[in-house]
Amino acid sequence: MIILHIISGLTNGGAESVLYRLCMHDKAYTHIVISLMDEGKYGSLLREAGIEVHCLNMASGRVTLQGLVKLFRLLRSLKPDAVQTWMYHADLIGGVMARLAGIRNINWGIHHTILDPKQSKGTTILAAKLCAKLSGFVPKKIVFCAQKSLEVHRTLGYASNKLVVANNGYDLSLFFINSSLGDKVREEFNLDVNIPLLGLVGRFDPLKDHHNLVSALSLIKQKGVSFKCLLIGAELNRQNSTLHDWLVENGLNEEVLLLDQRSDIPAIMNALDIHVLSSFSEAFPNVLCEAMACGTPCVTTDVGDTALIVGKTGWVVPPKNPQALADTIITALDEKQNNPEKWADRKAQVRKRVEANFSIEIMIANYHAIWSGYSKEKGSL
């Protein structure tokens, strides 16, 4: 089968990384990728792997006649067996254009959970609402990475008979338990092997709620608990005046290390004792599974499918509650220090949970079932 993916862009984001992994690891089907914008981070990587990539070069939030014409011509010439779109704008534009091109096996992909007018762009909310109105006609299936996202969109009016979940999957040959990788990260930053090391991997974004984490870390320090915390992701650097001010106000300049973007995330995850997710909105955060695949237990806020991901292997707290977050991190650190056998078992269980539920192979099988459920001859799912 030829699968044509249409995505809003190929920057360094969660949905983009899932698309990349799917194309790279699925050897049974042929994959072609169309970006409504430019090639971002993943375009060149996909091309290097021999995957055909087309860019429409439309600006963010803007649709051009030239871009639509190019997309229509590509859809007609490539003749895919299935179209998989990714995120609202691509669902809307790619879905409608694929329909106009005569394609019926169209599957939308949604990677949002909550649409907050204070945090989401107006164009994104508009696209999501238009998709809800067209959901009964355009797509054959609407694919969600998280069960919570599916439930939210059902209430928003998305066609309930088309909603399916395909959880994100991970390359467990890349993310695995390797203490030597973690040791190198600690050596790089001259961190004592015995100092508790917390961390959060995720760009500086209001939805990630780094302020919640900083507030919790301040409370932990006030309790007299020694620790270091690594923050990794776009804009997590000393040039971020907002974040810098938070750290100064809470007296955390010595405890928190801002590492900006890194390419050695498996090593980072192996270095951490606990990965902390402080978000107040997520769908299916990749970083939890990536940490768990490296044997790193997680403390997370209860957003999206985080509770489903960690199960009984981690800790789940309410969002926007620094005190609960701080208390739970202290509980986790206490277990590590005072109950090493239980901690070792927990580390083994977090890895096993990812292996059993969130491998790349499971994700590919789920998408295959969605795409191949359509028969050209019958013209329906």
Protein backbone atom coordinates (compact mmCIF):
# COMPACT_ATOMS: atom_id res chain seq x y z
CA MET A 1 0.00 0.00 0.00
CA ILE A 2 1.00 3.59 -0.63
CA ILE A 3 0.25 5.82 2.37
CA LEU A 4 0.27 9.57 1.80
CA HIS A 5 0.75 11.65 4.95
CA ILE A 6 -0.30 15.30 5.01
CA ILE A 7 0.94 17.27 8.02
CA SER A 8 0.86 20.93 9.00
CA GLY A 9 4.65 21.10 9.29
CA LEU A 10 7.72 19.04 10.09
CA THR A 11 9.16 20.98 13.00
CA ASN A 12 10.38 19.41 16.24
CA GLY A 13 7.04 18.48 17.81
CA GLY A 14 5.30 15.44 19.26
CA ALA A 15 3.06 14.59 16.31
CA GLU A 16 5.90 15.22 13.88
CA SER A 17 8.16 12.81 15.73
CA VAL A 18 5.45 10.13 15.71
CA LEU A 19 5.04 10.52 11.94
CA TYR A 20 8.79 10.24 11.52
CA ARG A 21 9.00 7.06 13.59
CA LEU A 22 6.06 5.54 11.77
CA CYS A 23 7.57 6.16 8.34
CA MET A 24 11.04 5.03 9.37
CA HIS A 25 9.97 1.74 10.97
CA ASP A 26 7.10 0.60 8.74
CA LYS A 27 8.78 -1.47 6.04
CA ALA A 28 5.57 -3.12 4.81
CA TYR A 29 4.02 0.00 3.24
CA THR A 30 5.38 2.84 1.11
CA HIS A 31 5.14 6.25 2.75
CA ILE A 32 5.07 9.70 1.14
CA VAL A 33 4.92 12.91 3.18
CA ILE A 34 3.47 16.31 2.28
CA SER A 35 4.13 19.29 4.57
CA LEU A 36 1.77 22.25 4.27
CA MET A 37 4.69 24.43 5.32
CA ASP A 38 8.43 23.78 4.95
CA GLU A 39 10.56 20.73 5.69
CA GLY A 40 11.39 21.80 9.26
CA LYS A 41 13.49 19.32 11.21
CA TYR A 42 12.19 16.05 9.86
CA GLY A 43 11.95 16.72 6.11
CA SER A 44 15.64 16.24 5.41
CA LEU A 45 15.82 13.25 7.77
CA LEU A 46 12.96 11.55 5.92
CA ARG A 47 14.57 12.25 2.55
CA GLU A 48 17.88 10.83 3.74
CA ALA A 49 15.99 7.64 4.59
CA GLY A 50 14.61 7.45 1.05
CA ILE A 51 11.11 8.69 1.88
CA GLU A 52 9.54 11.05 -0.64
CA VAL A 53 8.79 14.50 0.85
CA HIS A 54 6.93 17.43 -0.70
CA CYS A 55 6.64 20.91 0.84
CA LEU A 56 3.87 23.37 -0.08
CA ASN A 57 5.69 26.25 1.68
CA MET A 58 2.54 27.93 2.97
CA ALA A 59 3.09 30.26 5.92
CA SER A 60 1.77 29.23 9.34
CA GLY A 61 -1.95 29.91 9.55
CA ARG A 62 -2.19 31.04 5.92
CA VAL A 63 -3.58 29.14 2.95
CA THR A 64 -2.54 30.05 -0.59
CA LEU A 65 -4.18 29.18 -3.89
CA GLN A 66 -0.80 28.07 -5.22
CA GLY A 67 -0.38 25.68 -2.29
CA LEU A 68 -3.85 24.22 -2.72
CA VAL A 69 -3.33 23.67 -6.44
CA LYS A 70 -0.02 21.93 -5.81
CA LEU A 71 -1.60 19.73 -3.14
CA PHE A 72 -4.49 18.77 -5.44
CA ARG A 73 -2.10 17.85 -8.27
CA LEU A 74 0.04 15.76 -5.93
CA LEU A 75 -3.02 13.89 -4.67
CA ARG A 76 -4.13 13.12 -8.21
CA SER A 77 -0.68 12.07 -9.44
CA LEU A 78 0.48 10.02 -6.44
CA LYS A 79 -2.73 7.95 -6.27
CA PRO A 80 -2.29 6.76 -2.66
CA ASP A 81 -4.17 3.82 -1.21
CA ALA A 82 -4.79 5.82 1.94
CA VAL A 83 -4.33 9.40 3.12
CA GLN A 84 -3.35 10.00 6.75
CA THR A 85 -3.54 13.63 7.87
CA TRP A 86 -1.92 15.00 11.03
CA MET A 87 -3.32 17.83 13.18
CA TYR A 88 -6.29 20.13 12.62
CA HIS A 89 -5.05 22.30 9.74
CA ALA A 90 -3.86 19.29 7.76
CA ASP A 91 -7.04 17.39 8.64
CA LEU A 92 -9.13 20.22 7.26
CA ILE A 93 -7.10 21.22 4.21
CA GLY A 94 -5.68 17.80 3.37
CA GLY A 95 -8.95 16.03 4.03
CA VAL A 96 -11.06 18.33 1.84
CA MET A 97 -8.53 18.38 -0.99
CA ALA A 98 -8.19 14.59 -0.91
CA ARG A 99 -11.98 14.30 -1.16
CA LEU A 100 -12.00 16.69 -4.14
CA ALA A 101 -9.24 14.57 -5.72
CA GLY A 102 -11.52 11.54 -5.53
CA ILE A 103 -9.84 9.77 -2.60
CA ARG A 104 -12.13 8.13 -0.07
CA ASN A 105 -9.73 6.36 2.29
CA ILE A 106 -8.95 9.48 4.33
CA ASN A 107 -7.98 9.23 7.99
CA TRP A 108 -7.60 12.26 10.19
CA GLY A 109 -5.07 12.43 13.01
CA ILE A 110 -5.70 14.50 16.14
CA HIS A 111 -3.02 15.16 18.76
CA HIS A 112 -4.75 17.79 20.91
CA THR A 113 -6.82 17.26 24.01
CA ILE A 114 -8.04 20.62 25.31
CA LEU A 115 -8.56 23.71 23.16
CA ASP A 116 -8.02 26.65 25.51
CA PRO A 117 -8.73 30.08 23.92
CA LYS A 118 -6.08 31.56 26.20
CA GLN A 119 -3.39 29.15 24.99
CA SER A 120 -4.40 27.95 21.50
CA LYS A 121 -4.27 30.09 18.37
CA GLY A 122 -7.57 31.33 17.00
CA THR A 123 -6.88 29.67 13.67
CA THR A 124 -6.31 26.34 15.42
CA ILE A 125 -9.62 26.57 17.28
CA LEU A 126 -11.41 27.56 14.07
CA ALA A 127 -9.87 24.63 12.19
CA ALA A 128 -10.91 22.25 14.97
CA LYS A 129 -14.51 23.51 14.88
CA LEU A 130 -14.69 23.23 11.09
CA CYS A 131 -13.31 19.70 11.32
CA ALA A 132 -16.07 18.79 13.76
CA LYS A 133 -18.70 19.94 11.25
CA LEU A 134 -17.04 18.02 8.39
CA SER A 135 -16.19 14.90 10.39
CA GLY A 136 -19.32 13.06 9.28
CA PHE A 137 -18.39 13.45 5.62
CA VAL A 138 -14.66 13.82 4.98
CA PRO A 139 -12.75 11.13 6.95
CA LYS A 140 -13.30 7.38 7.11
CA LYS A 141 -11.60 7.26 10.52
CA ILE A 142 -10.45 9.86 13.01
CA VAL A 143 -7.32 8.66 14.79
CA PHE A 144 -6.43 9.91 18.28
CA CYS A 145 -3.16 9.27 20.04
CA ALA A 146 -4.95 9.33 23.41
CA GLN A 147 -8.24 8.02 24.79
CA LYS A 148 -8.80 11.28 26.67
CA SER A 149 -8.49 13.22 23.42
CA LEU A 150 -11.09 10.96 21.81
CA GLU A 151 -13.53 11.56 24.65
CA VAL A 152 -13.08 15.33 24.52
CA HIS A 153 -13.62 15.48 20.75
CA ARG A 154 -16.71 13.32 20.96
CA THR A 155 -18.24 16.01 23.16
CA LEU A 156 -17.14 18.64 20.60
CA GLY A 157 -19.34 17.01 17.97
CA TYR A 158 -16.90 14.81 16.07
CA ALA A 159 -18.61 11.83 14.39
CA SER A 160 -18.65 9.25 17.19
CA ASN A 161 -18.77 6.22 14.88
CA LYS A 162 -15.41 7.11 13.34
CA LEU A 163 -13.27 7.66 16.43
CA VAL A 164 -10.35 5.27 17.09
CA VAL A 165 -7.22 5.34 19.25
CA ALA A 166 -3.72 4.48 18.06
CA ASN A 167 -1.31 5.19 20.91
CA ASN A 168 2.13 6.50 20.10
CA GLY A 169 4.86 3.89 19.76
CA TYR A 170 8.56 4.06 20.56
CA ASP A 171 11.80 2.61 19.26
CA LEU A 172 12.89 0.54 22.23
CA SER A 173 16.27 -0.17 20.65
CA LEU A 174 17.00 3.55 20.97
CA PHE A 175 15.43 4.13 24.38
CA PHE A 176 16.65 1.46 26.79
CA ILE A 177 18.26 1.10 30.22
CA ASN A 178 21.93 2.07 29.99
CA SER A 179 23.52 3.42 33.17
CA SER A 180 26.78 4.30 31.42
CA LEU A 181 24.93 6.83 29.23
CA GLY A 182 23.48 8.44 32.32
CA ASP A 183 26.87 8.51 34.01
CA LYS A 184 28.33 10.49 31.09
CA VAL A 185 25.63 13.15 31.43
CA ARG A 186 26.33 13.50 35.17
CA GLU A 187 30.05 13.75 34.44
CA GLU A 188 29.41 16.43 31.80
CA PHE A 189 27.78 18.68 34.39
CA ASN A 190 29.93 17.60 37.36
CA LEU A 191 26.97 16.15 39.21
CA ASP A 192 27.66 13.96 42.22
CA VAL A 193 26.50 10.40 41.62
CA ASN A 194 24.48 10.54 44.84
CA ILE A 195 22.64 13.81 44.24
CA PRO A 196 18.97 13.20 43.36
CA LEU A 197 18.48 14.25 39.74
CA LEU A 198 15.10 15.39 38.47
CA GLY A 199 14.31 16.49 34.95
CA LEU A 200 11.72 17.61 32.46
CA VAL A 201 12.11 17.24 28.71
CA GLY A 202 9.76 19.57 26.85
CA ARG A 203 9.88 22.95 25.12
CA PHE A 204 9.05 26.17 26.99
CA ASP A 205 5.32 26.44 26.35
CA PRO A 206 2.44 27.64 28.55
CA LEU A 207 0.78 24.22 28.34
CA LYS A 208 3.91 22.57 29.79
CA ASP A 209 3.50 24.79 32.86
CA HIS A 210 7.13 25.11 33.85
CA HIS A 211 6.01 27.62 36.48
CA ASN A 212 4.21 24.79 38.25
CA LEU A 213 7.45 22.80 38.32
CA VAL A 214 9.54 25.76 39.49
CA SER A 215 7.06 26.42 42.30
CA ALA A 216 7.17 22.76 43.34
CA LEU A 217 10.97 22.74 43.29
CA SER A 218 10.98 25.81 45.55
CA LEU A 219 8.79 23.95 48.05
CA ILE A 220 11.10 20.93 47.90
CA LYS A 221 14.12 23.12 48.62
CA GLN A 222 12.30 24.73 51.55
CA LYS A 223 11.90 21.22 53.00
CA GLY A 224 15.69 20.90 53.05
CA VAL A 225 15.83 18.27 50.28
CA SER A 226 18.98 18.41 48.14
CA PHE A 227 18.53 17.90 44.38
CA LYS A 228 19.45 19.03 40.90
CA CYS A 229 16.98 19.45 38.05
CA LEU A 230 17.68 19.43 34.30
CA LEU A 231 15.33 21.30 31.96
CA ILE A 232 15.71 20.30 28.30
CA GLY A 233 13.92 21.75 25.29
CA ALA A 234 13.50 24.77 23.05
CA GLU A 235 13.93 28.12 24.87
CA LEU A 236 15.04 26.47 28.11
CA ASN A 237 18.16 28.60 28.38
CA ARG A 238 19.48 31.67 30.21
CA GLN A 239 18.24 33.95 27.43
CA ASN A 240 14.68 33.14 28.51
CA SER A 241 14.10 36.12 30.80
CA THR A 242 10.76 34.84 32.08
CA LEU A 243 12.20 31.51 33.18
CA HIS A 244 15.33 33.18 34.54
CA ASP A 245 13.22 35.49 36.69
CA TRP A 246 11.21 32.56 38.07
CA LEU A 247 14.41 30.77 39.10
CA VAL A 248 15.84 33.88 40.76
CA GLU A 249 12.59 34.62 42.61
CA ASN A 250 12.51 31.06 43.97
CA GLY A 251 16.21 30.81 44.76
CA LEU A 252 16.79 27.94 42.33
CA ASN A 253 19.68 29.18 40.22
CA GLU A 254 22.03 26.58 41.69
CA GLU A 255 19.60 23.66 41.59
CA VAL A 256 18.21 24.05 38.02
CA LEU A 257 20.35 23.55 34.92
CA LEU A 258 18.97 24.89 31.63
CA LEU A 259 20.23 22.70 28.79
CA ASP A 260 18.17 24.02 25.85
CA GLN A 261 17.65 21.49 23.04
CA ARG A 262 19.68 18.28 23.12
CA SER A 263 20.04 15.40 20.69
CA ASP A 264 21.00 12.83 23.35
CA ILE A 265 17.60 12.36 25.00
CA PRO A 266 18.15 8.62 25.75
CA ALA A 267 21.27 9.59 27.71
CA ILE A 268 19.38 12.34 29.54
CA MET A 269 16.60 9.94 30.50
CA ASN A 270 19.12 7.43 31.82
CA ALA A 271 20.77 10.14 33.92
CA LEU A 272 17.55 11.15 35.67
CA ASP A 273 16.28 9.54 38.84
CA ILE A 274 12.78 10.86 38.16
CA HIS A 275 11.22 12.50 35.13
CA VAL A 276 8.64 15.12 36.10
CA LEU A 277 5.84 16.28 33.80
CA SER A 278 4.16 19.45 35.10
CA SER A 279 1.77 20.21 32.20
CA PHE A 280 -1.85 21.30 32.50
CA SER A 281 -2.67 20.03 28.99
CA GLU A 282 -1.34 17.04 27.06
CA ALA A 283 -2.69 14.30 24.83
CA PHE A 284 -0.17 11.45 24.90
CA PRO A 285 3.19 12.93 25.96
CA ASN A 286 6.10 11.13 24.33
CA VAL A 287 8.54 12.02 27.09
CA LEU A 288 6.85 9.80 29.65
CA CYS A 289 7.25 6.68 27.53
CA GLU A 290 10.78 7.67 26.54
CA ALA A 291 11.75 8.06 30.20
CA MET A 292 10.04 4.82 31.19
CA ALA A 293 11.73 2.91 28.36
CA CYS A 294 15.02 3.95 29.97
CA GLY A 295 13.86 2.64 33.35
CA THR A 296 13.17 6.09 34.78
CA PRO A 297 10.06 6.39 36.97
CA CYS A 298 7.79 9.38 36.36
CA VAL A 299 5.81 11.87 38.40
CA THR A 300 3.17 13.46 36.19
CA THR A 301 0.16 15.70 36.32
CA ASP A 302 -3.15 14.05 35.49
CA VAL A 303 -3.66 15.35 31.95
CA GLY A 304 -4.51 13.54 28.73
CA ASP A 305 -3.54 9.89 28.95
CA THR A 306 -0.69 10.32 31.44
CA ALA A 307 -2.36 8.15 34.09
CA LEU A 308 -2.86 5.42 31.50
CA ILE A 309 0.78 5.63 30.44
CA VAL A 310 2.39 5.34 33.88
CA GLY A 311 -0.22 3.02 35.40
CA LYS A 312 0.93 1.80 38.82
CA THR A 313 4.60 2.32 37.97
CA GLY A 314 4.60 6.09 38.64
CA TRP A 315 2.80 8.87 40.46
CA VAL A 316 -0.05 11.07 39.20
CA VAL A 317 -1.01 14.42 40.74
CA PRO A 318 -3.56 17.13 39.88
CA PRO A 319 -2.39 19.83 37.43
CA LYS A 320 -1.67 23.36 38.62
CA ASN A 321 -0.98 22.13 42.16
CA PRO A 322 2.66 22.78 43.10
CA GLN A 323 2.21 21.51 46.65
CA ALA A 324 0.91 18.12 45.47
CA LEU A 325 3.68 17.93 42.91
CA ALA A 326 6.34 18.74 45.50
CA ASP A 327 4.99 16.29 48.08
CA THR A 328 4.88 13.48 45.51
CA ILE A 329 8.39 14.11 44.25
CA ILE A 330 9.62 13.95 47.86
CA THR A 331 7.73 10.66 48.33
CA ALA A 332 9.39 9.23 45.23
CA LEU A 333 12.85 10.36 46.30
CA ASP A 334 12.27 8.88 49.75
CA GLU A 335 11.51 5.49 48.18
CA LYS A 336 14.69 5.64 46.10
CA GLN A 337 16.81 6.46 49.11
CA ASN A 338 15.22 4.24 51.75
CA ASN A 339 13.83 1.27 49.84
CA PRO A 340 16.35 0.34 47.11
CA GLU A 341 14.75 -3.04 46.41
CA LYS A 342 11.35 -1.50 45.74
CA TRP A 343 12.99 1.20 43.64
CA ALA A 344 14.87 -1.35 41.52
CA ASP A 345 11.64 -3.26 40.95
CA ARG A 346 9.85 -0.05 39.98
CA LYS A 347 12.55 0.75 37.41
CA ALA A 348 12.14 -2.70 35.89
CA GLN A 349 8.36 -2.38 35.80
CA VAL A 350 8.35 0.98 33.99
CA ARG A 351 10.41 -0.55 31.18
CA LYS A 352 8.15 -3.60 30.99
CA ARG A 353 5.04 -1.40 30.79
CA VAL A 354 6.34 0.39 27.70
CA GLU A 355 7.42 -2.89 26.09
CA ALA A 356 3.98 -4.41 26.63
CA ASN A 357 1.90 -1.43 25.51
CA PHE A 358 3.76 1.26 23.61
CA SER A 359 6.33 -0.28 21.27
CA ILE A 360 6.74 0.97 17.70
CA GLU A 361 5.55 -2.43 16.45
CA ILE A 362 2.22 -2.09 18.26
CA MET A 363 1.69 1.39 16.84
CA ILE A 364 2.43 0.26 13.29
CA ALA A 365 0.01 -2.67 13.60
CA ASN A 366 -2.72 -0.29 14.80
CA TYR A 367 -2.23 2.06 11.85
CA HIS A 368 -2.15 -0.86 9.42
CA ALA A 369 -5.53 -1.98 10.72
CA ILE A 370 -6.91 1.53 10.19
CA TRP A 371 -5.52 2.00 6.69
CA SER A 372 -6.20 -1.47 5.31
CA GLY A 373 -9.76 -1.55 6.63
CA TYR A 374 -10.67 0.15 3.38
CA SER A 375 -11.24 -1.69 0.14
CA LYS A 376 -10.91 0.17 -3.15
CA GLU A 377 -13.28 -2.25 -4.80
CA LYS A 378 -15.98 -1.88 -2.15
CA GLY A 379 -15.35 1.81 -1.66
CA SER A 380 -16.00 1.74 2.07
CA LEU A 381 -14.53 0.71 5.34
